[in-house]
ModelCIF file with pLDDT and N, C-alpha, C, O atoms, coordinates in Angstrom:
data_MODEL
#
_entry.id   MODEL 
#
_entity.id                         1 
_entity.type                       polymer 
_entity.pdbx_number_of_molecules   1 
#
_entity_poly.entity_id                      1 
_entity_poly.type                           'polypeptide(L)' 
_entity_poly.nstd_linkage                   no 
_entity_poly.nstd_monomer                   no 
_entity_poly.pdbx_seq_one_letter_code       MAVNVRGVFLGIRAAFRQFAAQGGTGSIAITGSIGSLRGSADLLAYQT 
_entity_poly.pdbx_seq_one_letter_code_can   MAVNVRGVFLGIRAAFRQFAAQGGTGSIAITGSIGSLRGSADLLAYQT 
_entity_poly.pdbx_strand_id                 A 
#
loop_
_entity_poly_seq.entity_id 
_entity_poly_seq.num 
_entity_poly_seq.mon_id 
_entity_poly_seq.hetero 
1 1  MET n 
1 2  ALA n 
1 3  VAL n 
1 4  ASN n 
1 5  VAL n 
1 6  ARG n 
1 7  GLY n 
1 8  VAL n 
1 9  PHE n 
1 10 LEU n 
1 11 GLY n 
1 12 ILE n 
1 13 ARG n 
1 14 ALA n 
1 15 ALA n 
1 16 PHE n 
1 17 ARG n 
1 18 GLN n 
1 19 PHE n 
1 20 ALA n 
1 21 ALA n 
1 22 GLN n 
1 23 GLY n 
1 24 GLY n 
1 25 THR n 
1 26 GLY n 
1 27 SER n 
1 28 ILE n 
1 29 ALA n 
1 30 ILE n 
1 31 THR n 
1 32 GLY n 
1 33 SER n 
1 34 ILE n 
1 35 GLY n 
1 36 SER n 
1 37 LEU n 
1 38 ARG n 
1 39 GLY n 
1 40 SER n 
1 41 ALA n 
1 42 ASP n 
1 43 LEU n 
1 44 LEU n 
1 45 ALA n 
1 46 TYR n 
1 47 GLN n 
1 48 THR n 
#
_struct_asym.id          A 
_struct_asym.entity_id   1 
#
loop_
_ma_qa_metric.id 
_ma_qa_metric.mode 
_ma_qa_metric.name 
_ma_qa_metric.software_group_id 
_ma_qa_metric.type 
1 global pLDDT . pLDDT 
2 local  pLDDT . pLDDT 
#
_ma_qa_metric_global.metric_id      1 
_ma_qa_metric_global.metric_value   95.27 
_ma_qa_metric_global.model_id       1 
_ma_qa_metric_global.ordinal_id     1 
#
loop_
_ma_qa_metric_local.label_asym_id 
_ma_qa_metric_local.label_comp_id 
_ma_qa_metric_local.label_seq_id 
_ma_qa_metric_local.metric_id 
_ma_qa_metric_local.metric_value 
_ma_qa_metric_local.model_id 
_ma_qa_metric_local.ordinal_id 
A MET 1  2 97.00 1 1  
A ALA 2  2 97.00 1 2  
A VAL 3  2 97.00 1 3  
A ASN 4  2 97.00 1 4  
A VAL 5  2 98.00 1 5  
A ARG 6  2 98.00 1 6  
A GLY 7  2 97.00 1 7  
A VAL 8  2 98.00 1 8  
A PHE 9  2 98.00 1 9  
A LEU 10 2 98.00 1 10 
A GLY 11 2 98.00 1 11 
A ILE 12 2 98.00 1 12 
A ARG 13 2 98.00 1 13 
A ALA 14 2 98.00 1 14 
A ALA 15 2 98.00 1 15 
A PHE 16 2 98.00 1 16 
A ARG 17 2 98.00 1 17 
A GLN 18 2 97.00 1 18 
A PHE 19 2 97.00 1 19 
A ALA 20 2 97.00 1 20 
A ALA 21 2 97.00 1 21 
A GLN 22 2 95.00 1 22 
A GLY 23 2 93.00 1 23 
A GLY 24 2 88.00 1 24 
A THR 25 2 95.00 1 25 
A GLY 26 2 97.00 1 26 
A SER 27 2 98.00 1 27 
A ILE 28 2 98.00 1 28 
A ALA 29 2 98.00 1 29 
A ILE 30 2 98.00 1 30 
A THR 31 2 98.00 1 31 
A GLY 32 2 97.00 1 32 
A SER 33 2 95.00 1 33 
A ILE 34 2 93.00 1 34 
A GLY 35 2 92.00 1 35 
A SER 36 2 95.00 1 36 
A LEU 37 2 94.00 1 37 
A ARG 38 2 90.00 1 38 
A GLY 39 2 89.00 1 39 
A SER 40 2 84.00 1 40 
A ALA 41 2 85.00 1 41 
A ASP 42 2 86.00 1 42 
A LEU 43 2 90.00 1 43 
A LEU 44 2 94.00 1 44 
A ALA 45 2 96.00 1 45 
A TYR 46 2 95.00 1 46 
A GLN 47 2 95.00 1 47 
A THR 48 2 96.00 1 48 
#
loop_
_atom_site.group_PDB 
_atom_site.id 
_atom_site.type_symbol 
_atom_site.label_atom_id 
_atom_site.label_alt_id 
_atom_site.label_comp_id 
_atom_site.label_asym_id 
_atom_site.label_entity_id 
_atom_site.label_seq_id 
_atom_site.pdbx_PDB_ins_code 
_atom_site.Cartn_x 
_atom_site.Cartn_y 
_atom_site.Cartn_z 
_atom_site.occupancy 
_atom_site.B_iso_or_equiv 
_atom_site.pdbx_formal_charge 
_atom_site.auth_seq_id 
_atom_site.auth_comp_id 
_atom_site.auth_asym_id 
_atom_site.auth_atom_id 
_atom_site.pdbx_PDB_model_num 
ATOM 1   N N  . MET A 1 1  ? 86.420  107.406 91.337  1.00 97.00 ? 1  MET A N  1 
ATOM 2   C CA . MET A 1 1  ? 87.721  107.223 91.428  1.00 97.00 ? 1  MET A CA 1 
ATOM 3   C C  . MET A 1 1  ? 88.930  107.562 90.889  1.00 97.00 ? 1  MET A C  1 
ATOM 4   O O  . MET A 1 1  ? 89.954  107.970 91.437  1.00 97.00 ? 1  MET A O  1 
ATOM 5   N N  . ALA A 1 2  ? 88.757  107.409 90.103  1.00 97.00 ? 2  ALA A N  1 
ATOM 6   C CA . ALA A 1 2  ? 90.319  107.612 89.027  1.00 97.00 ? 2  ALA A CA 1 
ATOM 7   C C  . ALA A 1 2  ? 90.427  109.559 89.681  1.00 97.00 ? 2  ALA A C  1 
ATOM 8   O O  . ALA A 1 2  ? 91.445  109.828 90.319  1.00 97.00 ? 2  ALA A O  1 
ATOM 9   N N  . VAL A 1 3  ? 89.510  110.572 89.492  1.00 97.00 ? 3  VAL A N  1 
ATOM 10  C CA . VAL A 1 3  ? 89.392  111.979 90.081  1.00 97.00 ? 3  VAL A CA 1 
ATOM 11  C C  . VAL A 1 3  ? 89.660  111.724 91.161  1.00 97.00 ? 3  VAL A C  1 
ATOM 12  O O  . VAL A 1 3  ? 90.862  111.972 91.258  1.00 97.00 ? 3  VAL A O  1 
ATOM 13  N N  . ASN A 1 4  ? 89.215  111.290 92.293  1.00 97.00 ? 4  ASN A N  1 
ATOM 14  C CA . ASN A 1 4  ? 89.098  111.964 93.871  1.00 97.00 ? 4  ASN A CA 1 
ATOM 15  C C  . ASN A 1 4  ? 89.808  110.575 94.713  1.00 97.00 ? 4  ASN A C  1 
ATOM 16  O O  . ASN A 1 4  ? 89.598  110.474 95.922  1.00 97.00 ? 4  ASN A O  1 
ATOM 17  N N  . VAL A 1 5  ? 90.912  109.206 93.771  1.00 98.00 ? 5  VAL A N  1 
ATOM 18  C CA . VAL A 1 5  ? 90.965  108.390 94.897  1.00 98.00 ? 5  VAL A CA 1 
ATOM 19  C C  . VAL A 1 5  ? 92.641  108.752 93.925  1.00 98.00 ? 5  VAL A C  1 
ATOM 20  O O  . VAL A 1 5  ? 93.579  109.142 94.620  1.00 98.00 ? 5  VAL A O  1 
ATOM 21  N N  . ARG A 1 6  ? 92.795  108.646 92.916  1.00 98.00 ? 6  ARG A N  1 
ATOM 22  C CA . ARG A 1 6  ? 93.579  107.808 92.151  1.00 98.00 ? 6  ARG A CA 1 
ATOM 23  C C  . ARG A 1 6  ? 94.547  109.370 92.273  1.00 98.00 ? 6  ARG A C  1 
ATOM 24  O O  . ARG A 1 6  ? 95.717  109.267 92.643  1.00 98.00 ? 6  ARG A O  1 
ATOM 25  N N  . GLY A 1 7  ? 94.105  110.455 92.015  1.00 97.00 ? 7  GLY A N  1 
ATOM 26  C CA . GLY A 1 7  ? 94.622  111.597 92.131  1.00 97.00 ? 7  GLY A CA 1 
ATOM 27  C C  . GLY A 1 7  ? 95.006  111.987 92.750  1.00 97.00 ? 7  GLY A C  1 
ATOM 28  O O  . GLY A 1 7  ? 96.058  112.614 92.630  1.00 97.00 ? 7  GLY A O  1 
ATOM 29  N N  . VAL A 1 8  ? 94.201  111.798 94.039  1.00 98.00 ? 8  VAL A N  1 
ATOM 30  C CA . VAL A 1 8  ? 94.797  112.654 95.554  1.00 98.00 ? 8  VAL A CA 1 
ATOM 31  C C  . VAL A 1 8  ? 96.771  111.627 95.310  1.00 98.00 ? 8  VAL A C  1 
ATOM 32  O O  . VAL A 1 8  ? 97.881  112.153 95.240  1.00 98.00 ? 8  VAL A O  1 
ATOM 33  N N  . PHE A 1 9  ? 96.419  110.223 95.257  1.00 98.00 ? 9  PHE A N  1 
ATOM 34  C CA . PHE A 1 9  ? 97.684  109.288 95.110  1.00 98.00 ? 9  PHE A CA 1 
ATOM 35  C C  . PHE A 1 9  ? 98.472  110.155 93.983  1.00 98.00 ? 9  PHE A C  1 
ATOM 36  O O  . PHE A 1 9  ? 98.876  111.237 94.409  1.00 98.00 ? 9  PHE A O  1 
ATOM 37  N N  . LEU A 1 10 ? 98.587  110.044 93.445  1.00 98.00 ? 10 LEU A N  1 
ATOM 38  C CA . LEU A 1 10 ? 99.298  110.723 92.087  1.00 98.00 ? 10 LEU A CA 1 
ATOM 39  C C  . LEU A 1 10 ? 100.019 112.262 92.497  1.00 98.00 ? 10 LEU A C  1 
ATOM 40  O O  . LEU A 1 10 ? 101.134 112.735 92.277  1.00 98.00 ? 10 LEU A O  1 
ATOM 41  N N  . GLY A 1 11 ? 98.887  112.737 93.148  1.00 98.00 ? 11 GLY A N  1 
ATOM 42  C CA . GLY A 1 11 ? 99.670  114.396 94.029  1.00 98.00 ? 11 GLY A CA 1 
ATOM 43  C C  . GLY A 1 11 ? 100.418 114.285 94.764  1.00 98.00 ? 11 GLY A C  1 
ATOM 44  O O  . GLY A 1 11 ? 101.483 114.900 94.714  1.00 98.00 ? 11 GLY A O  1 
ATOM 45  N N  . ILE A 1 12 ? 100.035 113.288 95.885  1.00 98.00 ? 12 ILE A N  1 
ATOM 46  C CA . ILE A 1 12 ? 100.759 112.359 97.186  1.00 98.00 ? 12 ILE A CA 1 
ATOM 47  C C  . ILE A 1 12 ? 102.091 112.409 96.401  1.00 98.00 ? 12 ILE A C  1 
ATOM 48  O O  . ILE A 1 12 ? 102.733 113.460 96.395  1.00 98.00 ? 12 ILE A O  1 
ATOM 49  N N  . ARG A 1 13 ? 102.449 111.522 95.862  1.00 98.00 ? 13 ARG A N  1 
ATOM 50  C CA . ARG A 1 13 ? 103.625 110.813 94.867  1.00 98.00 ? 13 ARG A CA 1 
ATOM 51  C C  . ARG A 1 13 ? 104.099 112.010 94.458  1.00 98.00 ? 13 ARG A C  1 
ATOM 52  O O  . ARG A 1 13 ? 105.325 112.053 94.556  1.00 98.00 ? 13 ARG A O  1 
ATOM 53  N N  . ALA A 1 14 ? 103.735 112.742 94.148  1.00 98.00 ? 14 ALA A N  1 
ATOM 54  C CA . ALA A 1 14 ? 104.313 113.887 93.116  1.00 98.00 ? 14 ALA A CA 1 
ATOM 55  C C  . ALA A 1 14 ? 104.906 114.709 94.081  1.00 98.00 ? 14 ALA A C  1 
ATOM 56  O O  . ALA A 1 14 ? 105.908 115.278 93.649  1.00 98.00 ? 14 ALA A O  1 
ATOM 57  N N  . ALA A 1 15 ? 104.610 114.971 95.291  1.00 98.00 ? 15 ALA A N  1 
ATOM 58  C CA . ALA A 1 15 ? 104.167 116.169 96.005  1.00 98.00 ? 15 ALA A CA 1 
ATOM 59  C C  . ALA A 1 15 ? 105.932 115.403 96.720  1.00 98.00 ? 15 ALA A C  1 
ATOM 60  O O  . ALA A 1 15 ? 106.981 116.045 96.708  1.00 98.00 ? 15 ALA A O  1 
ATOM 61  N N  . PHE A 1 16 ? 105.805 114.085 97.217  1.00 98.00 ? 16 PHE A N  1 
ATOM 62  C CA . PHE A 1 16 ? 106.856 113.373 97.898  1.00 98.00 ? 16 PHE A CA 1 
ATOM 63  C C  . PHE A 1 16 ? 108.465 113.313 97.000  1.00 98.00 ? 16 PHE A C  1 
ATOM 64  O O  . PHE A 1 16 ? 109.551 113.664 97.459  1.00 98.00 ? 16 PHE A O  1 
ATOM 65  N N  . ARG A 1 17 ? 108.249 112.881 95.924  1.00 98.00 ? 17 ARG A N  1 
ATOM 66  C CA . ARG A 1 17 ? 109.467 113.059 95.065  1.00 98.00 ? 17 ARG A CA 1 
ATOM 67  C C  . ARG A 1 17 ? 109.608 114.372 94.819  1.00 98.00 ? 17 ARG A C  1 
ATOM 68  O O  . ARG A 1 17 ? 110.677 114.652 95.364  1.00 98.00 ? 17 ARG A O  1 
ATOM 69  N N  . GLN A 1 18 ? 109.155 115.393 94.304  1.00 97.00 ? 18 GLN A N  1 
ATOM 70  C CA . GLN A 1 18 ? 109.632 116.702 94.811  1.00 97.00 ? 18 GLN A CA 1 
ATOM 71  C C  . GLN A 1 18 ? 110.510 117.330 95.639  1.00 97.00 ? 18 GLN A C  1 
ATOM 72  O O  . GLN A 1 18 ? 111.432 118.036 95.230  1.00 97.00 ? 18 GLN A O  1 
ATOM 73  N N  . PHE A 1 19 ? 110.136 116.985 97.426  1.00 97.00 ? 19 PHE A N  1 
ATOM 74  C CA . PHE A 1 19 ? 110.431 116.999 97.888  1.00 97.00 ? 19 PHE A CA 1 
ATOM 75  C C  . PHE A 1 19 ? 111.748 116.406 97.642  1.00 97.00 ? 19 PHE A C  1 
ATOM 76  O O  . PHE A 1 19 ? 112.503 117.179 97.052  1.00 97.00 ? 19 PHE A O  1 
ATOM 77  N N  . ALA A 1 20 ? 112.123 115.535 97.853  1.00 97.00 ? 20 ALA A N  1 
ATOM 78  C CA . ALA A 1 20 ? 113.412 114.641 97.908  1.00 97.00 ? 20 ALA A CA 1 
ATOM 79  C C  . ALA A 1 20 ? 114.206 115.013 96.947  1.00 97.00 ? 20 ALA A C  1 
ATOM 80  O O  . ALA A 1 20 ? 115.426 115.008 97.113  1.00 97.00 ? 20 ALA A O  1 
ATOM 81  N N  . ALA A 1 21 ? 113.651 115.383 95.823  1.00 97.00 ? 21 ALA A N  1 
ATOM 82  C CA . ALA A 1 21 ? 114.628 116.241 94.826  1.00 97.00 ? 21 ALA A CA 1 
ATOM 83  C C  . ALA A 1 21 ? 115.183 117.683 95.101  1.00 97.00 ? 21 ALA A C  1 
ATOM 84  O O  . ALA A 1 21 ? 116.045 118.342 94.518  1.00 97.00 ? 21 ALA A O  1 
ATOM 85  N N  . GLN A 1 22 ? 114.350 117.960 96.246  1.00 95.00 ? 22 GLN A N  1 
ATOM 86  C CA . GLN A 1 22 ? 114.968 119.471 96.965  1.00 95.00 ? 22 GLN A CA 1 
ATOM 87  C C  . GLN A 1 22 ? 115.169 119.094 97.722  1.00 95.00 ? 22 GLN A C  1 
ATOM 88  O O  . GLN A 1 22 ? 114.754 119.917 98.538  1.00 95.00 ? 22 GLN A O  1 
ATOM 89  N N  . GLY A 1 23 ? 115.680 118.110 98.386  1.00 93.00 ? 23 GLY A N  1 
ATOM 90  C CA . GLY A 1 23 ? 116.884 117.779 99.570  1.00 93.00 ? 23 GLY A CA 1 
ATOM 91  C C  . GLY A 1 23 ? 115.683 118.349 100.501 1.00 93.00 ? 23 GLY A C  1 
ATOM 92  O O  . GLY A 1 23 ? 115.418 117.184 100.795 1.00 93.00 ? 23 GLY A O  1 
ATOM 93  N N  . GLY A 1 24 ? 114.834 119.000 101.142 1.00 88.00 ? 24 GLY A N  1 
ATOM 94  C CA . GLY A 1 24 ? 114.291 119.516 102.392 1.00 88.00 ? 24 GLY A CA 1 
ATOM 95  C C  . GLY A 1 24 ? 112.741 119.018 103.039 1.00 88.00 ? 24 GLY A C  1 
ATOM 96  O O  . GLY A 1 24 ? 112.892 117.863 103.438 1.00 88.00 ? 24 GLY A O  1 
ATOM 97  N N  . THR A 1 25 ? 111.720 119.351 103.212 1.00 95.00 ? 25 THR A N  1 
ATOM 98  C CA . THR A 1 25 ? 110.552 118.940 103.790 1.00 95.00 ? 25 THR A CA 1 
ATOM 99  C C  . THR A 1 25 ? 109.780 119.561 103.155 1.00 95.00 ? 25 THR A C  1 
ATOM 100 O O  . THR A 1 25 ? 110.080 120.280 102.203 1.00 95.00 ? 25 THR A O  1 
ATOM 101 N N  . GLY A 1 26 ? 108.287 119.308 103.741 1.00 97.00 ? 26 GLY A N  1 
ATOM 102 C CA . GLY A 1 26 ? 106.996 119.956 103.050 1.00 97.00 ? 26 GLY A CA 1 
ATOM 103 C C  . GLY A 1 26 ? 106.051 119.719 103.803 1.00 97.00 ? 26 GLY A C  1 
ATOM 104 O O  . GLY A 1 26 ? 106.204 118.880 104.691 1.00 97.00 ? 26 GLY A O  1 
ATOM 105 N N  . SER A 1 27 ? 104.853 120.380 103.650 1.00 98.00 ? 27 SER A N  1 
ATOM 106 C CA . SER A 1 27 ? 103.022 120.033 103.732 1.00 98.00 ? 27 SER A CA 1 
ATOM 107 C C  . SER A 1 27 ? 102.105 119.523 103.319 1.00 98.00 ? 27 SER A C  1 
ATOM 108 O O  . SER A 1 27 ? 101.981 119.631 102.099 1.00 98.00 ? 27 SER A O  1 
ATOM 109 N N  . ILE A 1 28 ? 101.208 118.868 103.931 1.00 98.00 ? 28 ILE A N  1 
ATOM 110 C CA . ILE A 1 28 ? 99.862  118.014 102.222 1.00 98.00 ? 28 ILE A CA 1 
ATOM 111 C C  . ILE A 1 28 ? 99.024  118.513 103.095 1.00 98.00 ? 28 ILE A C  1 
ATOM 112 O O  . ILE A 1 28 ? 99.342  118.803 104.248 1.00 98.00 ? 28 ILE A O  1 
ATOM 113 N N  . ALA A 1 29 ? 98.105  118.623 102.697 1.00 98.00 ? 29 ALA A N  1 
ATOM 114 C CA . ALA A 1 29 ? 96.578  118.710 102.752 1.00 98.00 ? 29 ALA A CA 1 
ATOM 115 C C  . ALA A 1 29 ? 95.494  118.255 102.050 1.00 98.00 ? 29 ALA A C  1 
ATOM 116 O O  . ALA A 1 29 ? 95.333  118.851 100.985 1.00 98.00 ? 29 ALA A O  1 
ATOM 117 N N  . ILE A 1 30 ? 94.479  117.160 102.363 1.00 98.00 ? 30 ILE A N  1 
ATOM 118 C CA . ILE A 1 30 ? 93.975  116.652 101.965 1.00 98.00 ? 30 ILE A CA 1 
ATOM 119 C C  . ILE A 1 30 ? 92.621  116.812 101.988 1.00 98.00 ? 30 ILE A C  1 
ATOM 120 O O  . ILE A 1 30 ? 92.155  116.448 103.068 1.00 98.00 ? 30 ILE A O  1 
ATOM 121 N N  . THR A 1 31 ? 91.532  117.353 100.950 1.00 98.00 ? 31 THR A N  1 
ATOM 122 C CA . THR A 1 31 ? 90.609  117.861 100.906 1.00 98.00 ? 31 THR A CA 1 
ATOM 123 C C  . THR A 1 31 ? 89.396  116.271 101.007 1.00 98.00 ? 31 THR A C  1 
ATOM 124 O O  . THR A 1 31 ? 88.808  115.799 100.034 1.00 98.00 ? 31 THR A O  1 
ATOM 125 N N  . GLY A 1 32 ? 89.301  115.662 102.665 1.00 97.00 ? 32 GLY A N  1 
ATOM 126 C CA . GLY A 1 32 ? 87.979  114.526 102.253 1.00 97.00 ? 32 GLY A CA 1 
ATOM 127 C C  . GLY A 1 32 ? 86.750  115.199 102.128 1.00 97.00 ? 32 GLY A C  1 
ATOM 128 O O  . GLY A 1 32 ? 86.279  115.559 101.049 1.00 97.00 ? 32 GLY A O  1 
ATOM 129 N N  . SER A 1 33 ? 86.045  115.430 103.619 1.00 95.00 ? 33 SER A N  1 
ATOM 130 C CA . SER A 1 33 ? 84.311  115.229 103.750 1.00 95.00 ? 33 SER A CA 1 
ATOM 131 C C  . SER A 1 33 ? 84.072  115.358 105.056 1.00 95.00 ? 33 SER A C  1 
ATOM 132 O O  . SER A 1 33 ? 84.934  115.473 105.927 1.00 95.00 ? 33 SER A O  1 
ATOM 133 N N  . ILE A 1 34 ? 82.281  115.329 105.289 1.00 93.00 ? 34 ILE A N  1 
ATOM 134 C CA . ILE A 1 34 ? 81.843  114.477 106.362 1.00 93.00 ? 34 ILE A CA 1 
ATOM 135 C C  . ILE A 1 34 ? 82.011  113.209 105.490 1.00 93.00 ? 34 ILE A C  1 
ATOM 136 O O  . ILE A 1 34 ? 82.317  112.151 106.039 1.00 93.00 ? 34 ILE A O  1 
ATOM 137 N N  . GLY A 1 35 ? 81.845  113.266 104.310 1.00 92.00 ? 35 GLY A N  1 
ATOM 138 C CA . GLY A 1 35 ? 81.371  111.841 103.978 1.00 92.00 ? 35 GLY A CA 1 
ATOM 139 C C  . GLY A 1 35 ? 81.882  110.452 104.152 1.00 92.00 ? 35 GLY A C  1 
ATOM 140 O O  . GLY A 1 35 ? 81.545  109.288 103.933 1.00 92.00 ? 35 GLY A O  1 
ATOM 141 N N  . SER A 1 36 ? 83.509  111.607 104.983 1.00 95.00 ? 36 SER A N  1 
ATOM 142 C CA . SER A 1 36 ? 85.113  110.647 104.568 1.00 95.00 ? 36 SER A CA 1 
ATOM 143 C C  . SER A 1 36 ? 84.355  109.767 105.341 1.00 95.00 ? 36 SER A C  1 
ATOM 144 O O  . SER A 1 36 ? 84.277  108.620 104.901 1.00 95.00 ? 36 SER A O  1 
ATOM 145 N N  . LEU A 1 37 ? 83.465  110.159 106.945 1.00 94.00 ? 37 LEU A N  1 
ATOM 146 C CA . LEU A 1 37 ? 83.617  110.085 108.020 1.00 94.00 ? 37 LEU A CA 1 
ATOM 147 C C  . LEU A 1 37 ? 81.752  109.039 108.738 1.00 94.00 ? 37 LEU A C  1 
ATOM 148 O O  . LEU A 1 37 ? 81.314  108.361 109.667 1.00 94.00 ? 37 LEU A O  1 
ATOM 149 N N  . ARG A 1 38 ? 81.345  109.726 107.282 1.00 90.00 ? 38 ARG A N  1 
ATOM 150 C CA . ARG A 1 38 ? 79.932  108.858 107.930 1.00 90.00 ? 38 ARG A CA 1 
ATOM 151 C C  . ARG A 1 38 ? 78.991  108.297 106.141 1.00 90.00 ? 38 ARG A C  1 
ATOM 152 O O  . ARG A 1 38 ? 79.155  108.231 104.923 1.00 90.00 ? 38 ARG A O  1 
ATOM 153 N N  . GLY A 1 39 ? 77.937  108.010 107.339 1.00 89.00 ? 39 GLY A N  1 
ATOM 154 C CA . GLY A 1 39 ? 77.582  107.074 105.656 1.00 89.00 ? 39 GLY A CA 1 
ATOM 155 C C  . GLY A 1 39 ? 76.725  107.321 104.888 1.00 89.00 ? 39 GLY A C  1 
ATOM 156 O O  . GLY A 1 39 ? 76.037  107.893 105.732 1.00 89.00 ? 39 GLY A O  1 
ATOM 157 N N  . SER A 1 40 ? 75.924  107.426 103.676 1.00 84.00 ? 40 SER A N  1 
ATOM 158 C CA . SER A 1 40 ? 75.003  107.345 102.965 1.00 84.00 ? 40 SER A CA 1 
ATOM 159 C C  . SER A 1 40 ? 74.460  106.854 101.976 1.00 84.00 ? 40 SER A C  1 
ATOM 160 O O  . SER A 1 40 ? 75.112  106.379 101.046 1.00 84.00 ? 40 SER A O  1 
ATOM 161 N N  . ALA A 1 41 ? 72.790  106.895 102.024 1.00 85.00 ? 41 ALA A N  1 
ATOM 162 C CA . ALA A 1 41 ? 72.393  106.229 100.809 1.00 85.00 ? 41 ALA A CA 1 
ATOM 163 C C  . ALA A 1 41 ? 72.958  106.024 99.299  1.00 85.00 ? 41 ALA A C  1 
ATOM 164 O O  . ALA A 1 41 ? 73.067  105.181 98.409  1.00 85.00 ? 41 ALA A O  1 
ATOM 165 N N  . ASP A 1 42 ? 73.412  108.179 99.816  1.00 86.00 ? 42 ASP A N  1 
ATOM 166 C CA . ASP A 1 42 ? 73.195  108.488 98.283  1.00 86.00 ? 42 ASP A CA 1 
ATOM 167 C C  . ASP A 1 42 ? 74.512  108.768 97.881  1.00 86.00 ? 42 ASP A C  1 
ATOM 168 O O  . ASP A 1 42 ? 75.375  108.340 98.648  1.00 86.00 ? 42 ASP A O  1 
ATOM 169 N N  . LEU A 1 43 ? 74.999  109.532 96.620  1.00 90.00 ? 43 LEU A N  1 
ATOM 170 C CA . LEU A 1 43 ? 76.154  109.838 96.615  1.00 90.00 ? 43 LEU A CA 1 
ATOM 171 C C  . LEU A 1 43 ? 77.315  108.285 96.585  1.00 90.00 ? 43 LEU A C  1 
ATOM 172 O O  . LEU A 1 43 ? 78.468  108.705 96.690  1.00 90.00 ? 43 LEU A O  1 
ATOM 173 N N  . LEU A 1 44 ? 77.303  107.132 96.505  1.00 94.00 ? 44 LEU A N  1 
ATOM 174 C CA . LEU A 1 44 ? 78.195  105.985 97.127  1.00 94.00 ? 44 LEU A CA 1 
ATOM 175 C C  . LEU A 1 44 ? 79.412  106.399 96.662  1.00 94.00 ? 44 LEU A C  1 
ATOM 176 O O  . LEU A 1 44 ? 80.279  106.536 97.525  1.00 94.00 ? 44 LEU A O  1 
ATOM 177 N N  . ALA A 1 45 ? 79.761  106.677 95.328  1.00 96.00 ? 45 ALA A N  1 
ATOM 178 C CA . ALA A 1 45 ? 80.833  106.726 94.247  1.00 96.00 ? 45 ALA A CA 1 
ATOM 179 C C  . ALA A 1 45 ? 81.768  107.702 95.188  1.00 96.00 ? 45 ALA A C  1 
ATOM 180 O O  . ALA A 1 45 ? 82.892  107.373 95.568  1.00 96.00 ? 45 ALA A O  1 
ATOM 181 N N  . TYR A 1 46 ? 81.150  108.917 95.495  1.00 95.00 ? 46 TYR A N  1 
ATOM 182 C CA . TYR A 1 46 ? 81.167  109.582 96.107  1.00 95.00 ? 46 TYR A CA 1 
ATOM 183 C C  . TYR A 1 46 ? 81.736  109.733 97.363  1.00 95.00 ? 46 TYR A C  1 
ATOM 184 O O  . TYR A 1 46 ? 82.567  110.626 97.528  1.00 95.00 ? 46 TYR A O  1 
ATOM 185 N N  . GLN A 1 47 ? 81.396  108.946 98.338  1.00 95.00 ? 47 GLN A N  1 
ATOM 186 C CA . GLN A 1 47 ? 81.325  108.306 99.659  1.00 95.00 ? 47 GLN A CA 1 
ATOM 187 C C  . GLN A 1 47 ? 82.791  107.807 99.374  1.00 95.00 ? 47 GLN A C  1 
ATOM 188 O O  . GLN A 1 47 ? 83.797  108.513 99.309  1.00 95.00 ? 47 GLN A O  1 
ATOM 189 N N  . THR A 1 48 ? 82.692  106.301 99.200  1.00 96.00 ? 48 THR A N  1 
ATOM 190 C CA . THR A 1 48 ? 83.839  105.444 98.879  1.00 96.00 ? 48 THR A CA 1 
ATOM 191 C C  . THR A 1 48 ? 84.705  106.606 98.578  1.00 96.00 ? 48 THR A C  1 
ATOM 192 O O  . THR A 1 48 ? 85.872  106.432 98.228  1.00 96.00 ? 48 THR A O  1 
#
């Protein structure tokens, strides 16, 4: 969760702060997974 969720949160926050400091716009893309949309019994932490 620290890498896959906290890392994305911190990255999004940093991007928004920088876009504001530049006085402009920007674009962000996140790598999710088929595990974002479906469930299985393995890789529970990853899927969460």
